[in-house]
Full PDB file with SEQRES, HELIX, SHEET, SSBOND, CRYST1, ORIGX, SCALE, CONECT and MASTER records, all heavy atoms in Angstrom:
SEQRES   1 A   34  ALA ALA LEU THR THR TYR CYS ALA PRO CYS HIS SER GLY          
SEQRES   2 A   34  SER ARG ALA GLU VAL GLY VAL THR LEU ASP ALA LEU SER          
SEQRES   3 A   34  SER ASN ALA ASP LEU GLY GLU ARG                              
HELIX    1 AA1 ALA A    2  TYR A    6  1                                   5    
HELIX    2 AA2 ALA A    8  HIS A   11  1                                   4    
HELIX    3 AA3 SER A   14  VAL A   18  1                                   5    
HELIX    4 AA4 LEU A   22  SER A   27  5                                   6    
HELIX    5 AA5 ALA A   29  GLU A   33  1                                   5    
CRYST1    1.000    1.000    1.000  90.00  90.00  90.00 P 1           1          
ORIGX1      1.000000  0.000000  0.000000        0.00000                         
ORIGX2      0.000000  1.000000  0.000000        0.00000                         
ORIGX3      0.000000  0.000000  1.000000        0.00000                         
SCALE1      1.000000  0.000000  0.000000        0.00000                         
SCALE2      0.000000  1.000000  0.000000        0.00000                         
SCALE3      0.000000  0.000000  1.000000        0.00000                         
ATOM      1  N   ALA A   1      66.747 -23.670 -51.296  1.00  0.00           N  
ATOM      2  CA  ALA A   1      65.987 -23.891 -50.064  1.00  0.00           C  
ATOM      3  C   ALA A   1      64.890 -22.859 -49.889  1.00  0.00           C  
ATOM      4  O   ALA A   1      63.837 -23.143 -49.309  1.00  0.00           O  
ATOM      5  CB  ALA A   1      66.923 -23.870 -48.860  1.00  0.00           C  
ATOM      6  N   ALA A   2      65.124 -21.637 -50.385  1.00  0.00           N  
ATOM      7  CA  ALA A   2      64.106 -20.592 -50.276  1.00  0.00           C  
ATOM      8  C   ALA A   2      62.853 -20.990 -51.032  1.00  0.00           C  
ATOM      9  O   ALA A   2      61.731 -20.796 -50.560  1.00  0.00           O  
ATOM     10  CB  ALA A   2      64.655 -19.265 -50.804  1.00  0.00           C  
ATOM     11  N   LEU A   3      63.018 -21.546 -52.240  1.00  0.00           N  
ATOM     12  CA  LEU A   3      61.854 -21.983 -53.013  1.00  0.00           C  
ATOM     13  C   LEU A   3      61.122 -23.094 -52.285  1.00  0.00           C  
ATOM     14  O   LEU A   3      59.896 -23.070 -52.151  1.00  0.00           O  
ATOM     15  CB  LEU A   3      62.293 -22.459 -54.389  1.00  0.00           C  
ATOM     16  CG  LEU A   3      61.152 -23.112 -55.180  1.00  0.00           C  
ATOM     17  CD1 LEU A   3      60.213 -22.065 -55.732  1.00  0.00           C  
ATOM     18  CD2 LEU A   3      61.696 -23.982 -56.296  1.00  0.00           C  
ATOM     19  N   THR A   4      61.887 -24.075 -51.835  1.00  0.00           N  
ATOM     20  CA  THR A   4      61.270 -25.221 -51.175  1.00  0.00           C  
ATOM     21  C   THR A   4      60.455 -24.789 -49.972  1.00  0.00           C  
ATOM     22  O   THR A   4      59.346 -25.266 -49.739  1.00  0.00           O  
ATOM     23  CB  THR A   4      62.355 -26.224 -50.737  1.00  0.00           C  
ATOM     24  OG1 THR A   4      63.113 -26.623 -51.879  1.00  0.00           O  
ATOM     25  CG2 THR A   4      61.737 -27.426 -50.064  1.00  0.00           C  
ATOM     26  N   THR A   5      60.998 -23.846 -49.215  1.00  0.00           N  
ATOM     27  CA  THR A   5      60.340 -23.430 -47.974  1.00  0.00           C  
ATOM     28  C   THR A   5      59.193 -22.467 -48.211  1.00  0.00           C  
ATOM     29  O   THR A   5      58.129 -22.616 -47.617  1.00  0.00           O  
ATOM     30  CB  THR A   5      61.373 -22.773 -47.037  1.00  0.00           C  
ATOM     31  OG1 THR A   5      62.436 -23.699 -46.793  1.00  0.00           O  
ATOM     32  CG2 THR A   5      60.725 -22.367 -45.719  1.00  0.00           C  
ATOM     33  N   TYR A   6      59.386 -21.500 -49.111  1.00  0.00           N  
ATOM     34  CA  TYR A   6      58.455 -20.379 -49.176  1.00  0.00           C  
ATOM     35  C   TYR A   6      57.549 -20.365 -50.400  1.00  0.00           C  
ATOM     36  O   TYR A   6      56.541 -19.669 -50.390  1.00  0.00           O  
ATOM     37  CB  TYR A   6      59.236 -19.054 -49.126  1.00  0.00           C  
ATOM     38  CG  TYR A   6      60.128 -18.953 -47.913  1.00  0.00           C  
ATOM     39  CD1 TYR A   6      61.501 -18.936 -48.044  1.00  0.00           C  
ATOM     40  CD2 TYR A   6      59.580 -18.906 -46.634  1.00  0.00           C  
ATOM     41  CE1 TYR A   6      62.327 -18.867 -46.929  1.00  0.00           C  
ATOM     42  CE2 TYR A   6      60.387 -18.840 -45.515  1.00  0.00           C  
ATOM     43  CZ  TYR A   6      61.762 -18.822 -45.667  1.00  0.00           C  
ATOM     44  OH  TYR A   6      62.572 -18.756 -44.564  1.00  0.00           O  
ATOM     45  N   CYS A   7      57.898 -21.109 -51.457  1.00  0.00           N  
ATOM     46  CA  CYS A   7      57.104 -21.016 -52.678  1.00  0.00           C  
ATOM     47  C   CYS A   7      56.427 -22.329 -53.066  1.00  0.00           C  
ATOM     48  O   CYS A   7      55.274 -22.329 -53.500  1.00  0.00           O  
ATOM     49  CB  CYS A   7      57.979 -20.551 -53.836  1.00  0.00           C  
ATOM     50  SG  CYS A   7      58.775 -18.952 -53.530  1.00  0.00           S  
ATOM     51  N   ALA A   8      57.171 -23.448 -52.928  1.00  0.00           N  
ATOM     52  CA  ALA A   8      56.632 -24.724 -53.388  1.00  0.00           C  
ATOM     53  C   ALA A   8      55.299 -25.108 -52.750  1.00  0.00           C  
ATOM     54  O   ALA A   8      54.439 -25.667 -53.431  1.00  0.00           O  
ATOM     55  CB  ALA A   8      57.664 -25.833 -53.159  1.00  0.00           C  
ATOM     56  N   PRO A   9      55.068 -24.841 -51.446  1.00  0.00           N  
ATOM     57  CA  PRO A   9      53.783 -25.256 -50.869  1.00  0.00           C  
ATOM     58  C   PRO A   9      52.568 -24.709 -51.602  1.00  0.00           C  
ATOM     59  O   PRO A   9      51.525 -25.364 -51.656  1.00  0.00           O  
ATOM     60  CB  PRO A   9      53.857 -24.701 -49.442  1.00  0.00           C  
ATOM     61  CG  PRO A   9      55.318 -24.669 -49.127  1.00  0.00           C  
ATOM     62  CD  PRO A   9      55.966 -24.283 -50.416  1.00  0.00           C  
ATOM     63  N   CYS A  10      52.679 -23.517 -52.173  1.00  0.00           N  
ATOM     64  CA  CYS A  10      51.536 -22.908 -52.880  1.00  0.00           C  
ATOM     65  C   CYS A  10      51.625 -23.040 -54.386  1.00  0.00           C  
ATOM     66  O   CYS A  10      50.629 -22.940 -55.084  1.00  0.00           O  
ATOM     67  CB  CYS A  10      51.422 -21.419 -52.536  1.00  0.00           C  
ATOM     68  SG  CYS A  10      51.002 -21.083 -50.822  1.00  0.00           S  
ATOM     69  N   HIS A  11      52.846 -23.270 -54.913  1.00  0.00           N  
ATOM     70  CA  HIS A  11      53.033 -23.170 -56.358  1.00  0.00           C  
ATOM     71  C   HIS A  11      53.714 -24.402 -56.940  1.00  0.00           C  
ATOM     72  O   HIS A  11      54.470 -24.291 -57.899  1.00  0.00           O  
ATOM     73  CB  HIS A  11      53.868 -21.928 -56.687  1.00  0.00           C  
ATOM     74  CG  HIS A  11      53.286 -20.669 -56.154  1.00  0.00           C  
ATOM     75  ND1 HIS A  11      52.166 -20.086 -56.677  1.00  0.00           N  
ATOM     76  CD2 HIS A  11      53.656 -19.877 -55.112  1.00  0.00           C  
ATOM     77  CE1 HIS A  11      51.869 -18.987 -56.007  1.00  0.00           C  
ATOM     78  NE2 HIS A  11      52.758 -18.844 -55.046  1.00  0.00           N  
ATOM     79  N   SER A  12      53.465 -25.565 -56.410  1.00  0.00           N  
ATOM     80  CA  SER A  12      54.079 -26.762 -56.962  1.00  0.00           C  
ATOM     81  C   SER A  12      53.600 -26.938 -58.400  1.00  0.00           C  
ATOM     82  O   SER A  12      52.428 -26.761 -58.720  1.00  0.00           O  
ATOM     83  CB  SER A  12      53.692 -27.989 -56.122  1.00  0.00           C  
ATOM     84  OG  SER A  12      52.284 -28.126 -56.074  1.00  0.00           O  
ATOM     85  N   GLY A  13      54.537 -27.277 -59.266  1.00  0.00           N  
ATOM     86  CA  GLY A  13      54.206 -27.462 -60.668  1.00  0.00           C  
ATOM     87  C   GLY A  13      54.186 -26.204 -61.486  1.00  0.00           C  
ATOM     88  O   GLY A  13      54.012 -26.265 -62.699  1.00  0.00           O  
ATOM     89  N   SER A  14      54.371 -25.054 -60.864  1.00  0.00           N  
ATOM     90  CA  SER A  14      54.266 -23.809 -61.620  1.00  0.00           C  
ATOM     91  C   SER A  14      55.427 -23.623 -62.587  1.00  0.00           C  
ATOM     92  O   SER A  14      55.297 -22.930 -63.587  1.00  0.00           O  
ATOM     93  CB  SER A  14      54.195 -22.605 -60.677  1.00  0.00           C  
ATOM     94  OG  SER A  14      55.373 -22.507 -59.905  1.00  0.00           O  
ATOM     95  N   ARG A  15      56.568 -24.275 -62.314  1.00  0.00           N  
ATOM     96  CA  ARG A  15      57.708 -24.101 -63.212  1.00  0.00           C  
ATOM     97  C   ARG A  15      57.354 -24.563 -64.618  1.00  0.00           C  
ATOM     98  O   ARG A  15      57.606 -23.873 -65.587  1.00  0.00           O  
ATOM     99  CB  ARG A  15      58.911 -24.892 -62.685  1.00  0.00           C  
ATOM    100  CG  ARG A  15      60.145 -24.698 -63.526  1.00  0.00           C  
ATOM    101  CD  ARG A  15      61.311 -25.585 -63.193  1.00  0.00           C  
ATOM    102  NE  ARG A  15      61.243 -26.247 -61.911  1.00  0.00           N  
ATOM    103  CZ  ARG A  15      62.247 -26.958 -61.422  1.00  0.00           C  
ATOM    104  NH1 ARG A  15      63.364 -27.060 -62.100  1.00  0.00           N  
ATOM    105  NH2 ARG A  15      62.140 -27.563 -60.276  1.00  0.00           N  
ATOM    106  N   ALA A  16      56.715 -25.732 -64.737  1.00  0.00           N  
ATOM    107  CA  ALA A  16      56.367 -26.252 -66.047  1.00  0.00           C  
ATOM    108  C   ALA A  16      55.300 -25.407 -66.723  1.00  0.00           C  
ATOM    109  O   ALA A  16      55.291 -25.221 -67.941  1.00  0.00           O  
ATOM    110  CB  ALA A  16      55.882 -27.695 -65.920  1.00  0.00           C  
ATOM    111  N   GLU A  17      54.373 -24.873 -65.934  1.00  0.00           N  
ATOM    112  CA  GLU A  17      53.276 -24.101 -66.506  1.00  0.00           C  
ATOM    113  C   GLU A  17      53.747 -22.767 -67.039  1.00  0.00           C  
ATOM    114  O   GLU A  17      53.265 -22.285 -68.055  1.00  0.00           O  
ATOM    115  CB  GLU A  17      52.196 -23.860 -65.446  1.00  0.00           C  
ATOM    116  CG  GLU A  17      51.464 -25.132 -65.021  1.00  0.00           C  
ATOM    117  CD  GLU A  17      50.447 -24.826 -63.946  1.00  0.00           C  
ATOM    118  OE1 GLU A  17      49.783 -23.780 -64.040  1.00  0.00           O  
ATOM    119  OE2 GLU A  17      50.314 -25.625 -63.012  1.00  0.00           O  
ATOM    120  N   VAL A  18      54.675 -22.127 -66.349  1.00  0.00           N  
ATOM    121  CA  VAL A  18      55.069 -20.784 -66.721  1.00  0.00           C  
ATOM    122  C   VAL A  18      56.291 -20.787 -67.637  1.00  0.00           C  
ATOM    123  O   VAL A  18      56.349 -20.076 -68.621  1.00  0.00           O  
ATOM    124  CB  VAL A  18      55.346 -19.934 -65.468  1.00  0.00           C  
ATOM    125  CG1 VAL A  18      55.747 -18.525 -65.859  1.00  0.00           C  
ATOM    126  CG2 VAL A  18      54.101 -19.910 -64.587  1.00  0.00           C  
ATOM    127  N   GLY A  19      57.284 -21.591 -67.301  1.00  0.00           N  
ATOM    128  CA  GLY A  19      58.440 -21.726 -68.168  1.00  0.00           C  
ATOM    129  C   GLY A  19      59.296 -20.483 -68.292  1.00  0.00           C  
ATOM    130  O   GLY A  19      59.824 -20.186 -69.366  1.00  0.00           O  
ATOM    131  N   VAL A  20      59.448 -19.738 -67.215  1.00  0.00           N  
ATOM    132  CA  VAL A  20      60.281 -18.537 -67.243  1.00  0.00           C  
ATOM    133  C   VAL A  20      61.642 -18.869 -66.646  1.00  0.00           C  
ATOM    134  O   VAL A  20      61.730 -19.486 -65.595  1.00  0.00           O  
ATOM    135  CB  VAL A  20      59.629 -17.396 -66.448  1.00  0.00           C  
ATOM    136  CG1 VAL A  20      60.546 -16.175 -66.437  1.00  0.00           C  
ATOM    137  CG2 VAL A  20      58.284 -17.045 -67.056  1.00  0.00           C  
ATOM    138  N   THR A  21      62.716 -18.473 -67.325  1.00  0.00           N  
ATOM    139  CA  THR A  21      64.061 -18.686 -66.810  1.00  0.00           C  
ATOM    140  C   THR A  21      64.794 -17.358 -66.754  1.00  0.00           C  
ATOM    141  O   THR A  21      64.384 -16.375 -67.358  1.00  0.00           O  
ATOM    142  CB  THR A  21      64.856 -19.651 -67.719  1.00  0.00           C  
ATOM    143  OG1 THR A  21      65.085 -19.003 -68.963  1.00  0.00           O  
ATOM    144  CG2 THR A  21      64.095 -20.945 -67.929  1.00  0.00           C  
ATOM    145  N   LEU A  22      65.901 -17.358 -66.049  1.00  0.00           N  
ATOM    146  CA  LEU A  22      66.712 -16.139 -65.992  1.00  0.00           C  
ATOM    147  C   LEU A  22      67.188 -15.739 -67.378  1.00  0.00           C  
ATOM    148  O   LEU A  22      67.329 -14.554 -67.677  1.00  0.00           O  
ATOM    149  CB  LEU A  22      67.909 -16.356 -65.064  1.00  0.00           C  
ATOM    150  CG  LEU A  22      67.604 -16.366 -63.568  1.00  0.00           C  
ATOM    151  CD1 LEU A  22      68.885 -16.604 -62.785  1.00  0.00           C  
ATOM    152  CD2 LEU A  22      66.947 -15.079 -63.128  1.00  0.00           C  
ATOM    153  N   ASP A  23      67.430 -16.729 -68.249  1.00  0.00           N  
ATOM    154  CA  ASP A  23      67.883 -16.415 -69.600  1.00  0.00           C  
ATOM    155  C   ASP A  23      66.846 -15.602 -70.367  1.00  0.00           C  
ATOM    156  O   ASP A  23      67.176 -14.875 -71.302  1.00  0.00           O  
ATOM    157  CB  ASP A  23      68.190 -17.700 -70.372  1.00  0.00           C  
ATOM    158  CG  ASP A  23      69.403 -18.430 -69.817  1.00  0.00           C  
ATOM    159  OD1 ASP A  23      70.223 -17.750 -69.154  1.00  0.00           O  
ATOM    160  OD2 ASP A  23      69.524 -19.637 -70.044  1.00  0.00           O  
ATOM    161  N   ALA A  24      65.574 -15.735 -69.981  1.00  0.00           N  
ATOM    162  CA  ALA A  24      64.505 -15.027 -70.691  1.00  0.00           C  
ATOM    163  C   ALA A  24      64.269 -13.622 -70.158  1.00  0.00           C  
ATOM    164  O   ALA A  24      63.491 -12.864 -70.735  1.00  0.00           O  
ATOM    165  CB  ALA A  24      63.208 -15.824 -70.600  1.00  0.00           C  
ATOM    166  N   LEU A  25      64.942 -13.245 -69.084  1.00  0.00           N  
ATOM    167  CA  LEU A  25      64.662 -11.950 -68.472  1.00  0.00           C  
ATOM    168  C   LEU A  25      65.022 -10.783 -69.377  1.00  0.00           C  
ATOM    169  O   LEU A  25      64.408  -9.721 -69.297  1.00  0.00           O  
ATOM    170  CB  LEU A  25      65.411 -11.815 -67.150  1.00  0.00           C  
ATOM    171  CG  LEU A  25      64.808 -12.588 -65.977  1.00  0.00           C  
ATOM    172  CD1 LEU A  25      65.683 -12.420 -64.755  1.00  0.00           C  
ATOM    173  CD2 LEU A  25      63.396 -12.119 -65.682  1.00  0.00           C  
ATOM    174  N   SER A  26      66.027 -10.952 -70.227  1.00  0.00           N  
ATOM    175  CA  SER A  26      66.411  -9.849 -71.101  1.00  0.00           C  
ATOM    176  C   SER A  26      65.284  -9.469 -72.050  1.00  0.00           C  
ATOM    177  O   SER A  26      65.201  -8.335 -72.508  1.00  0.00           O  
ATOM    178  CB  SER A  26      67.666 -10.219 -71.895  1.00  0.00           C  
ATOM    179  OG  SER A  26      67.419 -11.371 -72.687  1.00  0.00           O  
ATOM    180  N   SER A  27      64.398 -10.425 -72.350  1.00  0.00           N  
ATOM    181  CA  SER A  27      63.261 -10.133 -73.224  1.00  0.00           C  
ATOM    182  C   SER A  27      61.969  -9.994 -72.441  1.00  0.00           C  
ATOM    183  O   SER A  27      60.913  -9.803 -73.027  1.00  0.00           O  
ATOM    184  CB  SER A  27      63.105 -11.240 -74.274  1.00  0.00           C  
ATOM    185  OG  SER A  27      62.873 -12.491 -73.632  1.00  0.00           O  
ATOM    186  N   ASN A  28      62.055 -10.079 -71.121  1.00  0.00           N  
ATOM    187  CA  ASN A  28      60.847  -9.973 -70.288  1.00  0.00           C  
ATOM    188  C   ASN A  28      61.161  -9.119 -69.069  1.00  0.00           C  
ATOM    189  O   ASN A  28      60.838  -9.487 -67.940  1.00  0.00           O  
ATOM    190  CB  ASN A  28      60.394 -11.366 -69.856  1.00  0.00           C  
ATOM    191  CG  ASN A  28      58.897 -11.412 -69.585  1.00  0.00           C  
ATOM    192  OD1 ASN A  28      58.244 -10.380 -69.504  1.00  0.00           O  
ATOM    193  ND2 ASN A  28      58.375 -12.620 -69.443  1.00  0.00           N  
ATOM    194  N   ALA A  29      61.787  -7.967 -69.319  1.00  0.00           N  
ATOM    195  CA  ALA A  29      62.205  -7.109 -68.213  1.00  0.00           C  
ATOM    196  C   ALA A  29      61.024  -6.588 -67.419  1.00  0.00           C  
ATOM    197  O   ALA A  29      61.114  -6.419 -66.201  1.00  0.00           O  
ATOM    198  CB  ALA A  29      63.031  -5.940 -68.752  1.00  0.00           C  
ATOM    199  N   ASP A  30      59.901  -6.346 -68.080  1.00  0.00           N  
ATOM    200  CA  ASP A  30      58.734  -5.833 -67.374  1.00  0.00           C  
ATOM    201  C   ASP A  30      58.286  -6.817 -66.296  1.00  0.00           C  
ATOM    202  O   ASP A  30      58.009  -6.432 -65.154  1.00  0.00           O  
ATOM    203  CB  ASP A  30      57.596  -5.568 -68.360  1.00  0.00           C  
ATOM    204  CG  ASP A  30      56.345  -5.058 -67.671  1.00  0.00           C  
ATOM    205  OD1 ASP A  30      56.408  -3.982 -67.052  1.00  0.00           O  
ATOM    206  OD2 ASP A  30      55.304  -5.737 -67.738  1.00  0.00           O  
ATOM    207  N   LEU A  31      58.232  -8.097 -66.650  1.00  0.00           N  
ATOM    208  CA  LEU A  31      57.851  -9.120 -65.688  1.00  0.00           C  
ATOM    209  C   LEU A  31      58.849  -9.178 -64.537  1.00  0.00           C  
ATOM    210  O   LEU A  31      58.475  -9.213 -63.360  1.00  0.00           O  
ATOM    211  CB  LEU A  31      57.786 -10.470 -66.395  1.00  0.00           C  
ATOM    212  CG  LEU A  31      57.485 -11.692 -65.518  1.00  0.00           C  
ATOM    213  CD1 LEU A  31      56.130 -11.558 -64.854  1.00  0.00           C  
ATOM    214  CD2 LEU A  31      57.543 -12.959 -66.368  1.00  0.00           C  
ATOM    215  N   GLY A  32      60.138  -9.163 -64.881  1.00  0.00           N  
ATOM    216  CA  GLY A  32      61.156  -9.232 -63.843  1.00  0.00           C  
ATOM    217  C   GLY A  32      61.091  -8.068 -62.884  1.00  0.00           C  
ATOM    218  O   GLY A  32      61.217  -8.243 -61.666  1.00  0.00           O  
ATOM    219  N   GLU A  33      60.863  -6.856 -63.405  1.00  0.00           N  
ATOM    220  CA  GLU A  33      60.794  -5.677 -62.535  1.00  0.00           C  
ATOM    221  C   GLU A  33      59.553  -5.729 -61.650  1.00  0.00           C  
ATOM    222  O   GLU A  33      59.602  -5.315 -60.479  1.00  0.00           O  
ATOM    223  CB  GLU A  33      60.811  -4.402 -63.359  1.00  0.00           C  
ATOM    224  CG  GLU A  33      62.102  -4.152 -64.134  1.00  0.00           C  
ATOM    225  CD  GLU A  33      63.313  -3.891 -63.247  1.00  0.00           C  
ATOM    226  OE1 GLU A  33      63.143  -3.721 -62.022  1.00  0.00           O  
ATOM    227  OE2 GLU A  33      64.434  -3.858 -63.784  1.00  0.00           O  
ATOM    228  N   ARG A  34      58.433  -6.220 -62.170  1.00  0.00           N  
ATOM    229  CA  ARG A  34      57.227  -6.316 -61.347  1.00  0.00           C  
ATOM    230  C   ARG A  34      57.417  -7.311 -60.206  1.00  0.00           C  
ATOM    231  O   ARG A  34      56.986  -7.079 -59.080  1.00  0.00           O  
ATOM    232  CB  ARG A  34      56.023  -6.701 -62.206  1.00  0.00           C  
ATOM    233  CG  ARG A  34      55.526  -5.555 -63.074  1.00  0.00           C  
ATOM    234  CD  ARG A  34      54.210  -5.877 -63.751  1.00  0.00           C  
ATOM    235  NE  ARG A  34      54.370  -6.807 -64.848  1.00  0.00           N  
ATOM    236  CZ  ARG A  34      53.786  -7.991 -64.925  1.00  0.00           C  
ATOM    237  NH1 ARG A  34      53.019  -8.416 -63.928  1.00  0.00           N  
ATOM    238  NH2 ARG A  34      53.959  -8.780 -65.969  1.00  0.00           N  
TER     239      ARG A  34                                                      
MASTER        0    0    0    5    0    0    0    6  238    1    0    3          
END                                                                             
């Protein structure tokens, strides 16, 4: 619900464009920390 309310209005479709998942955080810690 947080995504639907606070993120989707500005970032619809961004999931497909970026393709970042929690499983990828171990190799993308810099992005996660930022």
